[in-house]
Amino acid sequence: MKQKKKWAVLALTVLLLGAGGLFLYRSGFFAACTSIPALRAYIDRSAPYSHLTFFVVQLLSVVLAPIPSNLSAAAGGMLFGTWPSFFLTIAAVLSASLLVFLLARALGQSFADRLVSRAISDKYLSIVRAKTDTFLILAFLLPFFPDDLLCILAGLTAISTPRFLVIVVLTRPWGLLVASALGGATLTLPLWAMVLLGIIGVAVFLLGMKYGDRWEESILKKFRHTKEDSSRP
């Protein structure tokens, strides 16, 4: 009976995710992901329900992972302003992160395999299991790790739900706040601060694009060596 219930929940989850993906496709969301202005126009078209549409998009972006949440947060900043975009984004991202974590915890590897590619799973799962807290904190703070997919893999580890939630709450908001601020740069900031924030954002983006793979591999190698050393008698 327990196994039947598990498969029923899995089937319902896949159905809901499929429906969410179909909704995004039919509504033109994926075509709008080509640029921040296009994404902003997509959200703006749903007025007077723009805020709700933005929240749903941010929620589904974690579950379905079609685009980074930072990109849509920047579009929300342009549309609603820094703080409304940030609070809507963080509410959606935290809710979705906990949702996929709990689904992976309840449904196991069969659920994770439907959302996480075998290459990503092979690359990260053993490290997430061995160094859960440290690795998740580092991965959520750095921009070149697949945050949303790591939330799913974390559900396959022994980390407790409260502990996972604390890590997510303490680490995931910062990048989203910067993205919302860049998109909704307000006049209350002095010009020099706006320029400095823009320069830092561009620099981080360019460095991440150029060196992100190297940094990621270096960090993963260090964790693998630490794991091997700790397993030796």
Protein backbone atom coordinates (compact mmCIF):
# COMPACT_ATOMS: atom_id res chain seq x y z
CA MET A 1 0.00 0.00 0.00
CA LYS A 2 2.85 2.37 0.88
CA GLN A 3 4.53 1.69 -2.47
CA LYS A 4 1.27 2.36 -4.34
CA LYS A 5 0.85 5.65 -2.48
CA LYS A 6 4.40 6.64 -3.36
CA TRP A 7 3.82 5.96 -7.06
CA ALA A 8 0.51 7.83 -6.95
CA VAL A 9 2.21 10.90 -5.46
CA LEU A 10 5.00 10.64 -8.03
CA ALA A 11 2.51 10.39 -10.91
CA LEU A 12 0.56 13.39 -9.59
CA THR A 13 3.77 15.39 -9.19
CA VAL A 14 4.91 14.61 -12.73
CA LEU A 15 1.45 15.53 -14.02
CA LEU A 16 1.47 18.87 -12.20
CA LEU A 17 4.99 19.65 -13.39
CA GLY A 18 4.02 18.76 -16.93
CA ALA A 19 0.96 21.00 -16.68
CA GLY A 20 3.13 23.82 -15.34
CA GLY A 21 5.62 23.40 -18.18
CA LEU A 22 2.80 23.34 -20.74
CA PHE A 23 1.33 26.52 -19.20
CA LEU A 24 4.66 28.31 -19.48
CA TYR A 25 5.11 27.12 -23.07
CA ARG A 26 1.62 28.07 -24.23
CA SER A 27 1.79 31.46 -22.53
CA GLY A 28 5.02 32.36 -24.37
CA PHE A 29 7.26 32.22 -21.30
CA PHE A 30 10.14 30.32 -22.91
CA ALA A 31 10.21 32.72 -25.86
CA ALA A 32 10.30 35.60 -23.38
CA CYS A 33 13.41 34.20 -21.69
CA THR A 34 15.62 35.53 -24.48
CA SER A 35 16.15 38.83 -22.64
CA ILE A 36 15.20 40.72 -19.51
CA PRO A 37 13.03 43.28 -21.42
CA ALA A 38 11.12 40.41 -23.10
CA LEU A 39 10.60 38.70 -19.75
CA ARG A 40 9.46 41.98 -18.24
CA ALA A 41 6.93 42.45 -21.06
CA TYR A 42 5.67 38.88 -20.53
CA ILE A 43 4.97 39.55 -16.84
CA ASP A 44 3.50 43.00 -17.54
CA ARG A 45 0.97 41.52 -20.00
CA SER A 46 -0.77 39.69 -17.17
CA ALA A 47 -1.88 42.93 -15.42
CA PRO A 48 -3.73 43.33 -13.08
CA TYR A 49 -2.36 39.95 -11.92
CA SER A 50 1.29 40.75 -12.67
CA HIS A 51 2.46 40.13 -9.12
CA LEU A 52 0.79 36.72 -9.01
CA THR A 53 2.18 35.80 -12.43
CA PHE A 54 5.66 36.83 -11.32
CA PHE A 55 5.39 34.69 -8.18
CA VAL A 56 4.21 31.66 -10.17
CA VAL A 57 7.00 32.13 -12.72
CA GLN A 58 9.60 32.30 -9.95
CA LEU A 59 8.14 29.23 -8.26
CA LEU A 60 8.12 27.19 -11.47
CA SER A 61 11.60 28.41 -12.42
CA VAL A 62 12.97 26.54 -9.40
CA VAL A 63 10.96 23.38 -10.02
CA LEU A 64 11.35 23.26 -13.79
CA ALA A 65 14.60 25.26 -13.90
CA PRO A 66 14.15 26.82 -17.36
CA ILE A 67 15.97 30.02 -16.37
CA PRO A 68 18.07 31.23 -13.43
CA SER A 69 15.97 32.93 -10.74
CA ASN A 70 18.41 35.86 -10.80
CA LEU A 71 17.41 36.74 -14.36
CA SER A 72 13.71 36.83 -13.60
CA ALA A 73 14.42 38.70 -10.33
CA ALA A 74 16.15 41.42 -12.36
CA ALA A 75 13.14 41.59 -14.68
CA GLY A 76 10.87 41.87 -11.63
CA GLY A 77 13.04 44.67 -10.29
CA MET A 78 12.53 46.61 -13.50
CA LEU A 79 8.79 46.02 -13.35
CA PHE A 80 7.91 46.31 -9.66
CA GLY A 81 10.96 47.88 -8.04
CA THR A 82 13.72 46.35 -5.94
CA TRP A 83 11.91 45.35 -2.76
CA PRO A 84 8.64 44.00 -4.20
CA SER A 85 10.66 41.93 -6.67
CA PHE A 86 12.95 40.65 -3.94
CA PHE A 87 10.19 39.66 -1.51
CA LEU A 88 8.12 37.96 -4.21
CA THR A 89 11.19 36.16 -5.52
CA ILE A 90 12.50 35.00 -2.17
CA ALA A 91 9.04 33.79 -1.11
CA ALA A 92 8.73 31.77 -4.34
CA VAL A 93 12.31 30.46 -4.30
CA LEU A 94 12.24 29.39 -0.65
CA SER A 95 8.82 27.72 -1.09
CA ALA A 96 9.92 25.88 -4.22
CA SER A 97 13.29 24.89 -2.75
CA LEU A 98 11.55 23.32 0.23
CA LEU A 99 8.95 21.70 -2.05
CA VAL A 100 11.45 19.92 -4.29
CA PHE A 101 13.53 18.94 -1.25
CA LEU A 102 10.51 17.33 0.43
CA LEU A 103 9.40 15.63 -2.79
CA ALA A 104 12.86 14.15 -3.26
CA ARG A 105 12.88 13.08 0.40
CA ALA A 106 9.47 11.40 0.06
CA LEU A 107 9.78 9.94 -3.45
CA GLY A 108 13.49 9.19 -3.58
CA GLN A 109 15.76 8.63 -6.54
CA SER A 110 12.93 7.97 -8.98
CA PHE A 111 11.69 11.55 -8.56
CA ALA A 112 15.16 13.09 -8.69
CA ASP A 113 15.97 11.23 -11.91
CA ARG A 114 13.02 12.93 -13.64
CA LEU A 115 14.35 16.43 -12.92
CA VAL A 116 18.11 16.03 -12.55
CA SER A 117 20.20 14.73 -15.41
CA ARG A 118 22.41 11.72 -14.78
CA ALA A 119 25.51 13.86 -15.47
CA ILE A 120 24.56 16.40 -12.77
CA SER A 121 23.61 13.64 -10.33
CA ASP A 122 26.89 11.77 -10.86
CA LYS A 123 28.86 14.98 -10.51
CA TYR A 124 27.35 16.28 -7.27
CA LEU A 125 25.40 13.64 -5.35
CA SER A 126 28.30 11.88 -3.62
CA ILE A 127 29.76 15.20 -2.51
CA VAL A 128 26.40 16.51 -1.31
CA ARG A 129 25.98 13.34 0.74
CA ALA A 130 29.49 13.45 2.19
CA LYS A 131 29.80 17.18 2.93
CA THR A 132 26.18 18.27 2.95
CA ASP A 133 26.21 21.45 5.08
CA THR A 134 29.53 22.88 3.92
CA PHE A 135 28.99 22.15 0.25
CA LEU A 136 25.41 23.45 0.14
CA ILE A 137 26.37 26.71 1.87
CA LEU A 138 29.22 27.26 -0.58
CA ALA A 139 27.17 26.24 -3.64
CA PHE A 140 24.21 28.46 -2.75
CA LEU A 141 26.48 31.47 -2.24
CA LEU A 142 28.43 31.09 -5.49
CA PRO A 143 26.71 31.91 -8.81
CA PHE A 144 27.99 29.06 -10.97
CA PHE A 145 26.43 26.09 -9.14
CA PRO A 146 22.98 24.71 -10.10
CA ASP A 147 21.22 25.81 -6.89
CA ASP A 148 17.76 24.51 -7.75
CA LEU A 149 18.98 21.06 -8.74
CA LEU A 150 21.10 20.81 -5.59
CA CYS A 151 17.93 21.31 -3.52
CA ILE A 152 16.56 18.14 -5.12
CA LEU A 153 19.78 16.19 -4.49
CA ALA A 154 19.84 17.41 -0.89
CA GLY A 155 16.51 15.65 -0.40
CA LEU A 156 18.32 12.35 -1.05
CA THR A 157 20.75 12.92 1.83
CA ALA A 158 20.38 12.54 5.59
CA ILE A 159 20.19 16.30 6.27
CA SER A 160 17.16 17.23 8.38
CA THR A 161 14.44 19.46 6.91
CA PRO A 162 14.92 22.27 9.49
CA ARG A 163 18.68 22.28 8.87
CA PHE A 164 18.21 22.43 5.10
CA LEU A 165 15.70 25.26 5.47
CA VAL A 166 18.08 27.28 7.67
CA ILE A 167 20.88 26.90 5.09
CA VAL A 168 18.57 27.98 2.25
CA VAL A 169 17.22 30.99 4.19
CA LEU A 170 20.72 32.17 5.12
CA THR A 171 22.35 31.73 1.71
CA ARG A 172 19.92 31.99 -1.21
CA PRO A 173 18.52 35.53 -0.66
CA TRP A 174 21.76 37.45 -1.31
CA GLY A 175 22.13 36.84 -5.02
CA LEU A 176 18.41 37.44 -5.51
CA LEU A 177 18.65 40.75 -3.64
CA VAL A 178 21.51 41.92 -5.85
CA ALA A 179 19.62 40.88 -9.01
CA SER A 180 16.46 42.67 -7.86
CA ALA A 181 18.49 45.77 -6.99
CA LEU A 182 20.20 45.77 -10.38
CA GLY A 183 16.87 45.46 -12.16
CA GLY A 184 15.09 48.07 -10.04
CA ALA A 185 17.95 50.47 -9.32
CA THR A 186 16.21 53.26 -7.47
CA LEU A 187 17.01 56.94 -7.27
CA THR A 188 17.33 56.70 -3.48
CA LEU A 189 20.77 55.21 -4.09
CA PRO A 190 23.54 57.73 -4.76
CA LEU A 191 24.89 57.69 -8.29
CA TRP A 192 28.27 56.34 -7.21
CA ALA A 193 26.60 53.40 -5.42
CA MET A 194 24.49 52.57 -8.49
CA VAL A 195 27.58 52.68 -10.71
CA LEU A 196 29.60 50.59 -8.24
CA LEU A 197 26.80 48.02 -7.95
CA GLY A 198 26.56 47.80 -11.72
CA ILE A 199 30.33 47.37 -12.12
CA ILE A 200 30.43 44.66 -9.45
CA GLY A 201 27.48 42.86 -11.04
CA VAL A 202 29.04 42.93 -14.50
CA ALA A 203 32.44 41.88 -13.13
CA VAL A 204 30.97 38.93 -11.22
CA PHE A 205 28.99 37.87 -14.29
CA LEU A 206 32.00 38.05 -16.62
CA LEU A 207 34.33 36.31 -14.18
CA GLY A 208 31.73 33.61 -13.61
CA MET A 209 31.29 33.10 -17.36
CA LYS A 210 35.05 32.87 -17.94
CA TYR A 211 36.31 31.07 -14.85
CA GLY A 212 33.18 29.49 -13.35
CA ASP A 213 33.90 26.00 -14.72
CA ARG A 214 37.47 26.10 -13.40
CA TRP A 215 36.41 27.33 -9.96
CA GLU A 216 33.68 24.74 -9.79
CA GLU A 217 36.01 21.89 -10.74
CA SER A 218 38.64 23.12 -8.27
CA ILE A 219 36.09 23.19 -5.44
CA LEU A 220 34.74 19.75 -6.35
CA LYS A 221 38.28 18.35 -6.48
CA LYS A 222 39.02 19.73 -3.03
CA PHE A 223 35.87 18.17 -1.61
CA ARG A 224 36.70 14.83 -3.24
CA HIS A 225 40.20 14.85 -1.74
CA THR A 226 38.80 15.75 1.69
CA LYS A 227 36.32 12.88 1.41
CA GLU A 228 39.07 10.41 0.45
CA ASP A 229 41.33 11.55 3.31
CA SER A 230 38.53 11.20 5.87
CA SER A 231 37.77 7.65 4.67
CA ARG A 232 41.34 6.44 5.22
CA PRO A 233 42.04 4.59 8.48
